Every structure is written in structure tokens, then in C-alpha cells.
Amino acid sequence: MQIDTWGIGYTADTLQIGCQLHSIDKWRKWDTPAGRKWIKNMDAEALDWADRNLALVLAMIDANPATPPGYEEKHND
């Protein structure tokens, strides 16, 4: 999907926003002092974007989690 400036994609355990690809768990820590500094250092507009959109993106992932590779093969027997 695309929200504002950056394209977004995710797997069962990673989230990519623009050129930044990190674990979903790491992205979930964005709204802490260290996380906000990490986001701010990505791009001049990144923290403002995160304040407006990152909680929504993470909620969408929670509502629509990706299936890990091989999940269907293991669970369809």
C-alpha cells in the first residue's frame, strides 16, 4: 500500500516503510524516546508521518496478519 510519501509492505515478521525494512517488533517500539529518535533520524518528515500513520499501519497488520511461508502446508494435513 502507499500512504502519503512512502510505500508500505509487510510479511509475517517484517515491515517495510519506504526504504526502511525492520522487524514488526522493532516498529512497535517507535513511540518511545529511543524509537522516536530512531524514526526522526530516518528522514526529516519521518516522525511527523509516524505520528499520523504508524499506529494505523500496525493496527492494519494486527487485523490482517501475513501468513508465514509454509504455514498452509503444515496446517492443511
N, C-alpha and C. Protein backbone atom coordinates (compact mmCIF):
# COMPACT_ATOMS: atom_id res chain seq x y z
N MET A 1 0.84 -1.17 0.00
CA MET A 1 0.00 0.00 0.00
C MET A 1 0.89 1.24 0.00
N GLN A 2 0.31 2.34 -0.24
CA GLN A 2 1.01 3.62 -0.24
C GLN A 2 0.26 4.56 0.68
N ILE A 3 0.95 5.14 1.63
CA ILE A 3 0.37 6.18 2.47
C ILE A 3 1.28 7.38 2.38
N ASP A 4 0.74 8.42 1.78
CA ASP A 4 1.49 9.67 1.67
C ASP A 4 2.77 9.44 0.87
N THR A 5 3.90 9.65 1.48
CA THR A 5 5.19 9.64 0.80
C THR A 5 5.73 8.25 0.52
N TRP A 6 5.47 7.30 1.41
CA TRP A 6 6.17 6.02 1.35
C TRP A 6 5.26 4.82 1.08
N GLY A 7 5.81 3.91 0.28
CA GLY A 7 5.17 2.62 0.07
C GLY A 7 5.37 1.75 1.30
N ILE A 8 4.42 0.85 1.53
CA ILE A 8 4.45 0.01 2.72
C ILE A 8 4.18 -1.43 2.31
N GLY A 9 4.96 -2.34 2.87
CA GLY A 9 4.74 -3.76 2.67
C GLY A 9 5.14 -4.50 3.92
N TYR A 10 4.54 -5.68 4.12
CA TYR A 10 4.91 -6.45 5.31
C TYR A 10 4.79 -7.94 5.05
N THR A 11 5.53 -8.68 5.85
CA THR A 11 5.46 -10.13 5.86
C THR A 11 4.99 -10.53 7.26
N ALA A 12 5.12 -11.80 7.59
CA ALA A 12 4.71 -12.26 8.91
C ALA A 12 5.53 -11.60 10.02
N ASP A 13 6.76 -11.20 9.71
CA ASP A 13 7.60 -10.65 10.79
C ASP A 13 8.35 -9.38 10.44
N THR A 14 8.22 -8.87 9.23
CA THR A 14 8.91 -7.63 8.86
C THR A 14 7.93 -6.61 8.30
N LEU A 15 8.29 -5.35 8.45
CA LEU A 15 7.52 -4.23 7.91
C LEU A 15 8.49 -3.31 7.20
N GLN A 16 8.16 -2.99 5.94
CA GLN A 16 8.97 -2.05 5.18
C GLN A 16 8.14 -0.80 4.93
N ILE A 17 8.71 0.34 5.31
CA ILE A 17 8.12 1.64 5.02
C ILE A 17 9.18 2.41 4.27
N GLY A 18 8.89 2.73 3.02
CA GLY A 18 9.90 3.34 2.17
C GLY A 18 11.08 2.39 2.04
N CYS A 19 12.28 2.87 2.28
CA CYS A 19 13.47 2.02 2.17
C CYS A 19 13.84 1.35 3.50
N GLN A 20 13.05 1.61 4.54
CA GLN A 20 13.36 1.08 5.87
C GLN A 20 12.66 -0.27 6.09
N LEU A 21 13.42 -1.34 6.19
CA LEU A 21 12.90 -2.69 6.43
C LEU A 21 13.42 -3.17 7.77
N HIS A 22 12.49 -3.39 8.71
CA HIS A 22 12.84 -3.82 10.06
C HIS A 22 11.78 -4.79 10.56
N SER A 23 12.07 -5.45 11.66
CA SER A 23 11.08 -6.36 12.24
C SER A 23 9.86 -5.55 12.70
N ILE A 24 8.71 -6.20 12.64
CA ILE A 24 7.49 -5.56 13.13
C ILE A 24 7.65 -5.22 14.61
N ASP A 25 8.29 -6.10 15.35
CA ASP A 25 8.52 -5.84 16.78
C ASP A 25 9.32 -4.56 16.99
N LYS A 26 10.31 -4.30 16.14
CA LYS A 26 11.08 -3.05 16.28
C LYS A 26 10.20 -1.85 15.97
N TRP A 27 9.39 -1.93 14.91
CA TRP A 27 8.50 -0.82 14.58
C TRP A 27 7.52 -0.55 15.72
N ARG A 28 7.08 -1.58 16.42
CA ARG A 28 6.12 -1.40 17.51
C ARG A 28 6.70 -0.55 18.65
N LYS A 29 8.01 -0.43 18.73
CA LYS A 29 8.66 0.36 19.78
C LYS A 29 8.92 1.80 19.35
N TRP A 30 8.29 2.23 18.27
CA TRP A 30 8.57 3.55 17.71
C TRP A 30 8.19 4.68 18.65
N ASP A 31 7.14 4.51 19.45
CA ASP A 31 6.65 5.61 20.26
C ASP A 31 7.25 5.59 21.67
N THR A 32 8.55 5.41 21.74
CA THR A 32 9.33 5.51 22.97
C THR A 32 10.40 6.58 22.69
N PRO A 33 11.05 7.09 23.70
CA PRO A 33 12.10 8.09 23.42
C PRO A 33 13.15 7.58 22.42
N ALA A 34 13.62 6.36 22.61
CA ALA A 34 14.62 5.81 21.68
C ALA A 34 14.02 5.58 20.30
N GLY A 35 12.80 5.09 20.26
CA GLY A 35 12.13 4.83 18.99
C GLY A 35 11.86 6.10 18.21
N ARG A 36 11.44 7.13 18.89
CA ARG A 36 11.17 8.41 18.22
C ARG A 36 12.47 9.02 17.67
N LYS A 37 13.57 8.87 18.40
CA LYS A 37 14.86 9.34 17.89
C LYS A 37 15.26 8.54 16.66
N TRP A 38 15.07 7.22 16.70
CA TRP A 38 15.37 6.34 15.57
C TRP A 38 14.59 6.76 14.34
N ILE A 39 13.29 6.99 14.50
CA ILE A 39 12.44 7.41 13.37
C ILE A 39 12.86 8.80 12.87
N LYS A 40 13.10 9.71 13.77
CA LYS A 40 13.48 11.08 13.39
C LYS A 40 14.74 11.10 12.55
N ASN A 41 15.66 10.19 12.83
CA ASN A 41 16.92 10.13 12.07
C ASN A 41 16.77 9.52 10.69
N MET A 42 15.62 8.94 10.39
CA MET A 42 15.41 8.33 9.07
C MET A 42 15.25 9.38 7.97
N ASP A 43 14.47 10.42 8.25
CA ASP A 43 14.12 11.41 7.24
C ASP A 43 13.51 12.60 7.96
N ALA A 44 13.62 13.78 7.38
CA ALA A 44 13.08 14.98 8.01
C ALA A 44 11.58 14.90 8.26
N GLU A 45 10.86 14.17 7.44
CA GLU A 45 9.40 14.06 7.56
C GLU A 45 8.95 12.79 8.28
N ALA A 46 9.88 11.91 8.63
CA ALA A 46 9.51 10.58 9.12
C ALA A 46 8.74 10.62 10.44
N LEU A 47 9.14 11.43 11.38
CA LEU A 47 8.47 11.42 12.68
C LEU A 47 7.05 11.97 12.56
N ASP A 48 6.87 13.01 11.79
CA ASP A 48 5.51 13.54 11.56
C ASP A 48 4.64 12.48 10.90
N TRP A 49 5.20 11.78 9.90
CA TRP A 49 4.46 10.70 9.24
C TRP A 49 4.10 9.61 10.24
N ALA A 50 5.06 9.22 11.07
CA ALA A 50 4.82 8.17 12.06
C ALA A 50 3.73 8.59 13.04
N ASP A 51 3.77 9.82 13.49
CA ASP A 51 2.75 10.31 14.42
C ASP A 51 1.34 10.20 13.81
N ARG A 52 1.23 10.44 12.53
CA ARG A 52 -0.07 10.40 11.86
C ARG A 52 -0.48 9.00 11.41
N ASN A 53 0.50 8.13 11.09
CA ASN A 53 0.15 6.91 10.37
C ASN A 53 0.62 5.58 10.96
N LEU A 54 1.69 5.58 11.73
CA LEU A 54 2.29 4.30 12.10
C LEU A 54 1.38 3.44 12.99
N ALA A 55 0.66 4.04 13.92
CA ALA A 55 -0.27 3.25 14.74
C ALA A 55 -1.34 2.61 13.86
N LEU A 56 -1.81 3.33 12.86
CA LEU A 56 -2.80 2.79 11.92
C LEU A 56 -2.22 1.62 11.12
N VAL A 57 -1.00 1.77 10.63
CA VAL A 57 -0.35 0.69 9.88
C VAL A 57 -0.21 -0.55 10.77
N LEU A 58 0.23 -0.38 11.99
CA LEU A 58 0.39 -1.51 12.89
C LEU A 58 -0.95 -2.15 13.24
N ALA A 59 -2.01 -1.34 13.37
CA ALA A 59 -3.35 -1.89 13.61
C ALA A 59 -3.83 -2.70 12.40
N MET A 60 -3.51 -2.24 11.20
CA MET A 60 -3.88 -2.98 9.99
C MET A 60 -3.16 -4.33 9.94
N ILE A 61 -1.89 -4.33 10.34
CA ILE A 61 -1.14 -5.59 10.39
C ILE A 61 -1.76 -6.53 11.42
N ASP A 62 -2.15 -6.00 12.58
CA ASP A 62 -2.78 -6.83 13.60
C ASP A 62 -4.10 -7.42 13.10
N ALA A 63 -4.88 -6.64 12.36
CA ALA A 63 -6.17 -7.10 11.84
C ALA A 63 -6.02 -8.04 10.66
N ASN A 64 -4.90 -7.95 9.94
CA ASN A 64 -4.67 -8.73 8.73
C ASN A 64 -3.25 -9.28 8.71
N PRO A 65 -2.91 -10.14 9.66
CA PRO A 65 -1.52 -10.63 9.72
C PRO A 65 -1.16 -11.45 8.49
N ALA A 66 0.08 -11.34 8.09
CA ALA A 66 0.58 -12.15 6.98
C ALA A 66 0.80 -13.57 7.47
N THR A 67 0.62 -14.52 6.58
CA THR A 67 0.85 -15.93 6.90
C THR A 67 2.31 -16.26 6.67
N PRO A 68 2.97 -16.87 7.65
CA PRO A 68 4.37 -17.24 7.44
C PRO A 68 4.51 -18.23 6.29
N PRO A 69 5.62 -18.19 5.53
CA PRO A 69 5.83 -19.14 4.44
C PRO A 69 5.73 -20.57 4.95
N GLY A 70 5.05 -21.42 4.20
CA GLY A 70 4.92 -22.83 4.56
C GLY A 70 3.80 -23.11 5.55
N TYR A 71 3.10 -22.10 6.02
CA TYR A 71 2.06 -22.29 7.04
C TYR A 71 0.95 -23.20 6.53
N GLU A 72 0.48 -22.97 5.28
CA GLU A 72 -0.62 -23.77 4.76
C GLU A 72 -0.24 -25.24 4.63
N GLU A 73 0.99 -25.50 4.19
CA GLU A 73 1.43 -26.88 4.03
C GLU A 73 1.40 -27.61 5.37
N LYS A 74 1.81 -26.97 6.42
CA LYS A 74 1.88 -27.58 7.75
C LYS A 74 0.50 -27.74 8.39
N HIS A 75 -0.46 -26.90 8.01
CA HIS A 75 -1.74 -26.86 8.69
C HIS A 75 -2.91 -27.36 7.83
N ASN A 76 -2.65 -27.89 6.67
CA ASN A 76 -3.71 -28.42 5.82
C ASN A 76 -3.76 -29.92 5.78
N ASP A 77 -3.00 -30.59 6.61
CA ASP A 77 -2.98 -32.06 6.62
C ASP A 77 -4.08 -32.61 7.47
